[in-house]
């Protein structure tokens, strides 16, 4: 499977040079051909009526999602790109790994939560958020009325290995679901290459139309 993906990546890059369009980064699947839902790649914890969802906003993950969902999450990260880059520069890092985390309260009355209560264990190391960029007013209050959702982008160290099983702790509950999600993502990546290859059409210049 890895050889097939590499061959497709080389083909995409070659076509990009021929057509003058930007090439897909080596090993990166093209955007717009995924079919997964957010629920397929999200890590979820339910505590009574409080539901917490976390998912990485890395392109290697969100490009496996259906086009509308991919575009929404890509735009979400881009809306905070400048602030994420500021965090990166301040800490002297090569990159920032962004995660989207949301809290939803279904129970009657008010639910309490820790707005920074997310930890990721990867490669034997524990990673806490470097910073949290709230997406809605009141996220940092730690209180959530019934029927309300609040969310934020969590900035993490880029050393977290998304291609390996992770343990994500949400509200004190460790969840190892990423190990089950990874095979689903890998299968979808292979399917994306196939769909993208089938969608290629000759261009008037004799090259090929390319995806982003």
Protein backbone atom coordinates (compact mmCIF):
# COMPACT_ATOMS: atom_id res chain seq x y z
CA UNK A 1 0.00 0.00 0.00
CA UNK A 2 2.86 2.38 0.86
CA UNK A 3 4.51 1.75 -2.53
CA UNK A 4 1.23 2.49 -4.29
CA UNK A 5 0.83 5.75 -2.36
CA UNK A 6 4.40 6.76 -3.16
CA UNK A 7 3.91 6.03 -6.85
CA UNK A 8 0.75 8.12 -6.89
CA UNK A 9 2.54 10.99 -5.12
CA UNK A 10 5.32 10.93 -7.72
CA UNK A 11 2.72 10.95 -10.52
CA UNK A 12 0.96 13.94 -8.98
CA UNK A 13 4.21 15.86 -8.59
CA UNK A 14 5.27 15.14 -12.17
CA UNK A 15 1.92 16.30 -13.51
CA UNK A 16 2.14 19.47 -11.44
CA UNK A 17 5.45 20.43 -13.02
CA UNK A 18 4.06 19.77 -16.49
CA UNK A 19 0.99 21.94 -15.94
CA UNK A 20 2.61 24.70 -13.90
CA UNK A 21 0.26 24.12 -10.96
CA UNK A 22 1.28 23.64 -7.35
CA UNK A 23 2.18 20.04 -6.58
CA UNK A 24 0.67 18.07 -3.74
CA UNK A 25 3.38 17.67 -1.05
CA UNK A 26 5.15 14.32 -1.26
CA UNK A 27 3.06 11.65 0.41
CA UNK A 28 0.09 14.00 0.96
CA UNK A 29 -3.24 12.89 -0.43
CA UNK A 30 -5.11 15.38 -2.64
CA UNK A 31 -7.98 17.36 -1.13
CA UNK A 32 -11.61 16.95 -2.12
CA UNK A 33 -11.79 13.16 -2.56
CA UNK A 34 -12.43 11.97 1.01
CA UNK A 35 -15.67 10.43 2.25
CA UNK A 36 -15.28 10.07 6.02
CA UNK A 37 -17.35 12.01 8.56
CA UNK A 38 -16.06 13.93 11.55
CA UNK A 39 -17.43 11.17 13.77
CA UNK A 40 -15.17 8.69 11.99
CA UNK A 41 -11.97 10.42 13.11
CA UNK A 42 -12.99 12.15 16.34
CA UNK A 43 -12.06 10.96 19.83
CA UNK A 44 -15.14 11.18 22.04
CA UNK A 45 -15.71 11.13 25.79
CA UNK A 46 -19.16 11.27 27.39
CA UNK A 47 -19.52 12.21 31.05
CA UNK A 48 -23.17 12.13 32.01
CA UNK A 49 -24.65 14.79 29.73
CA UNK A 50 -21.34 16.34 28.70
CA UNK A 51 -19.86 15.24 25.37
CA UNK A 52 -16.26 16.13 24.53
CA UNK A 53 -14.87 15.63 21.02
CA UNK A 54 -11.27 16.07 19.92
CA UNK A 55 -9.66 15.67 16.52
CA UNK A 56 -6.44 16.82 14.86
CA UNK A 57 -6.70 19.48 12.17
CA UNK A 58 -3.66 18.13 10.35
CA UNK A 59 -4.13 17.97 6.56
CA UNK A 60 -3.12 14.30 6.57
CA UNK A 61 -6.26 13.63 8.61
CA UNK A 62 -8.86 16.13 7.44
CA UNK A 63 -8.22 15.41 3.74
CA UNK A 64 -9.82 12.00 4.32
CA UNK A 65 -13.10 13.74 5.20
CA UNK A 66 -15.95 14.53 2.82
CA UNK A 67 -15.26 17.69 0.76
CA UNK A 68 -17.64 20.02 2.62
CA UNK A 69 -16.32 18.89 5.98
CA UNK A 70 -12.72 19.19 4.83
CA UNK A 71 -13.28 22.72 3.54
CA UNK A 72 -14.96 23.78 6.80
CA UNK A 73 -12.17 22.42 9.00
CA UNK A 74 -9.43 23.70 6.70
CA UNK A 75 -11.01 27.16 6.83
CA UNK A 76 -11.33 26.89 10.60
CA UNK A 77 -7.62 26.31 11.02
CA UNK A 78 -6.75 28.99 8.47
CA UNK A 79 -8.87 31.48 10.43
CA UNK A 80 -6.40 31.11 13.32
CA UNK A 81 -3.28 30.55 11.20
CA UNK A 82 -1.67 33.84 12.15
CA UNK A 83 -2.11 33.23 15.86
CA UNK A 84 -0.86 29.65 15.56
CA UNK A 85 2.20 30.91 13.72
CA UNK A 86 2.77 33.49 16.44
CA UNK A 87 2.77 30.68 19.02
CA UNK A 88 5.21 28.71 16.88
CA UNK A 89 7.61 31.63 16.60
CA UNK A 90 7.34 32.48 20.28
CA UNK A 91 8.27 28.93 21.29
CA UNK A 92 10.86 28.44 18.53
CA UNK A 93 9.11 25.42 17.03
CA UNK A 94 9.21 24.19 13.44
CA UNK A 95 5.42 23.82 13.36
CA UNK A 96 2.32 23.64 15.52
CA UNK A 97 -0.03 20.67 15.67
CA UNK A 98 -3.59 21.98 15.97
CA UNK A 99 -6.51 20.05 17.42
CA UNK A 100 -10.18 21.01 17.44
CA UNK A 101 -11.89 20.31 20.76
CA UNK A 102 -15.59 20.87 21.49
CA UNK A 103 -17.79 20.53 24.58
CA UNK A 104 -21.55 19.96 24.35
CA UNK A 105 -23.94 19.85 27.30
CA UNK A 106 -27.06 17.73 26.90
CA UNK A 107 -27.98 17.46 30.59
CA UNK A 108 -30.38 19.72 32.43
CA UNK A 109 -28.79 22.63 34.16
CA UNK A 110 -25.19 23.70 33.91
CA UNK A 111 -22.22 21.44 33.19
CA UNK A 112 -18.69 22.22 34.31
CA UNK A 113 -15.56 21.42 32.35
CA UNK A 114 -11.85 22.21 32.32
CA UNK A 115 -11.19 24.40 29.25
CA UNK A 116 -7.58 23.20 29.20
CA UNK A 117 -8.20 19.64 30.33
CA UNK A 118 -6.71 17.90 27.30
CA UNK A 119 -3.52 15.85 27.34
CA UNK A 120 -2.00 13.61 24.65
CA UNK A 121 0.42 10.76 25.27
CA UNK A 122 2.60 9.95 22.25
CA UNK A 123 5.84 7.98 22.06
CA UNK A 124 6.05 7.66 25.83
CA UNK A 125 5.73 11.42 26.37
CA UNK A 126 2.85 13.46 27.74
CA UNK A 127 1.92 16.62 25.85
CA UNK A 128 -0.18 19.40 27.28
CA UNK A 129 -1.56 22.25 25.16
CA UNK A 130 0.92 25.03 24.45
CA UNK A 131 -1.97 27.43 24.09
CA UNK A 132 -5.72 27.40 23.56
CA UNK A 133 -7.46 29.61 20.99
CA UNK A 134 -11.15 29.88 21.83
CA UNK A 135 -13.57 29.96 18.91
CA UNK A 136 -16.61 31.19 20.85
CA UNK A 137 -17.17 33.67 23.64
CA UNK A 138 -17.22 32.11 27.09
CA UNK A 139 -15.06 29.09 26.32
CA UNK A 140 -12.71 29.85 29.20
CA UNK A 141 -15.57 30.11 31.71
CA UNK A 142 -15.66 26.34 32.24
CA UNK A 143 -19.44 26.38 32.51
CA UNK A 144 -21.86 25.24 29.86
CA UNK A 145 -25.64 25.71 29.75
CA UNK A 146 -27.89 22.93 28.51
CA UNK A 147 -27.92 22.58 24.73
CA UNK A 148 -24.87 24.78 24.24
CA UNK A 149 -21.61 23.92 22.48
CA UNK A 150 -18.28 25.67 22.90
CA UNK A 151 -15.07 24.88 21.04
CA UNK A 152 -11.47 25.90 20.63
CA UNK A 153 -8.29 25.12 18.73
CA UNK A 154 -5.63 23.57 20.96
CA UNK A 155 -2.01 24.16 19.95
CA UNK A 156 0.31 21.20 20.60
CA UNK A 157 3.94 20.33 20.05
CA UNK A 158 4.45 18.92 16.52
CA UNK A 159 6.31 15.92 17.98
CA UNK A 160 2.98 14.14 18.53
CA UNK A 161 3.00 11.24 16.06
CA UNK A 162 -0.40 11.08 14.37
CA UNK A 163 0.64 7.97 12.45
CA UNK A 164 0.99 6.03 15.70
CA UNK A 165 -1.52 5.07 18.43
CA UNK A 166 -2.15 7.87 20.93
CA UNK A 167 -3.80 8.13 24.31
CA UNK A 168 -5.86 11.30 24.57
CA UNK A 169 -7.06 12.32 28.01
CA UNK A 170 -10.26 14.38 28.05
CA UNK A 171 -11.72 15.56 31.37
CA UNK A 172 -9.46 13.11 33.18
CA UNK A 173 -10.59 10.15 31.06
CA UNK A 174 -7.79 8.49 29.02
CA UNK A 175 -8.98 7.26 25.62
CA UNK A 176 -6.92 5.02 23.32
CA UNK A 177 -9.42 5.18 20.42
CA UNK A 178 -6.85 6.67 18.02
CA UNK A 179 -5.40 3.20 17.56
CA UNK A 180 -8.77 2.08 16.16
CA UNK A 181 -9.23 5.24 14.07
CA UNK A 182 -5.85 4.99 12.33
CA UNK A 183 -6.66 1.91 10.18
CA UNK A 184 -9.86 3.66 9.03
CA UNK A 185 -7.84 6.71 7.99
CA UNK A 186 -5.26 4.57 6.18
CA UNK A 187 -7.96 2.73 4.22
CA UNK A 188 -9.54 6.04 3.26
CA UNK A 189 -6.20 7.45 2.11
CA UNK A 190 -5.82 4.52 -0.28
CA UNK A 191 -9.38 5.11 -1.52
CA UNK A 192 -8.64 8.82 -2.04
CA UNK A 193 -5.67 8.00 -4.29
CA UNK A 194 -7.91 5.73 -6.36
CA UNK A 195 -10.68 8.32 -6.69
CA UNK A 196 -8.22 11.06 -7.56
CA UNK A 197 -6.55 8.91 -10.21
CA UNK A 198 -9.93 8.15 -11.78
CA UNK A 199 -10.82 11.87 -11.82
CA UNK A 200 -7.76 13.01 -13.77
CA UNK A 201 -8.52 14.44 -17.22
CA UNK A 202 -6.18 15.57 -20.01
CA UNK A 203 -5.67 19.33 -20.20
CA UNK A 204 -5.63 21.29 -23.48
CA UNK A 205 -1.87 21.77 -23.02
CA UNK A 206 -1.32 18.04 -22.95
CA UNK A 207 -0.68 17.85 -19.21
CA UNK A 208 -3.23 16.93 -16.59
CA UNK A 209 -5.70 18.78 -14.43
CA UNK A 210 -4.55 18.61 -10.86
CA UNK A 211 -6.21 18.64 -7.49
CA UNK A 212 -5.08 20.86 -4.60
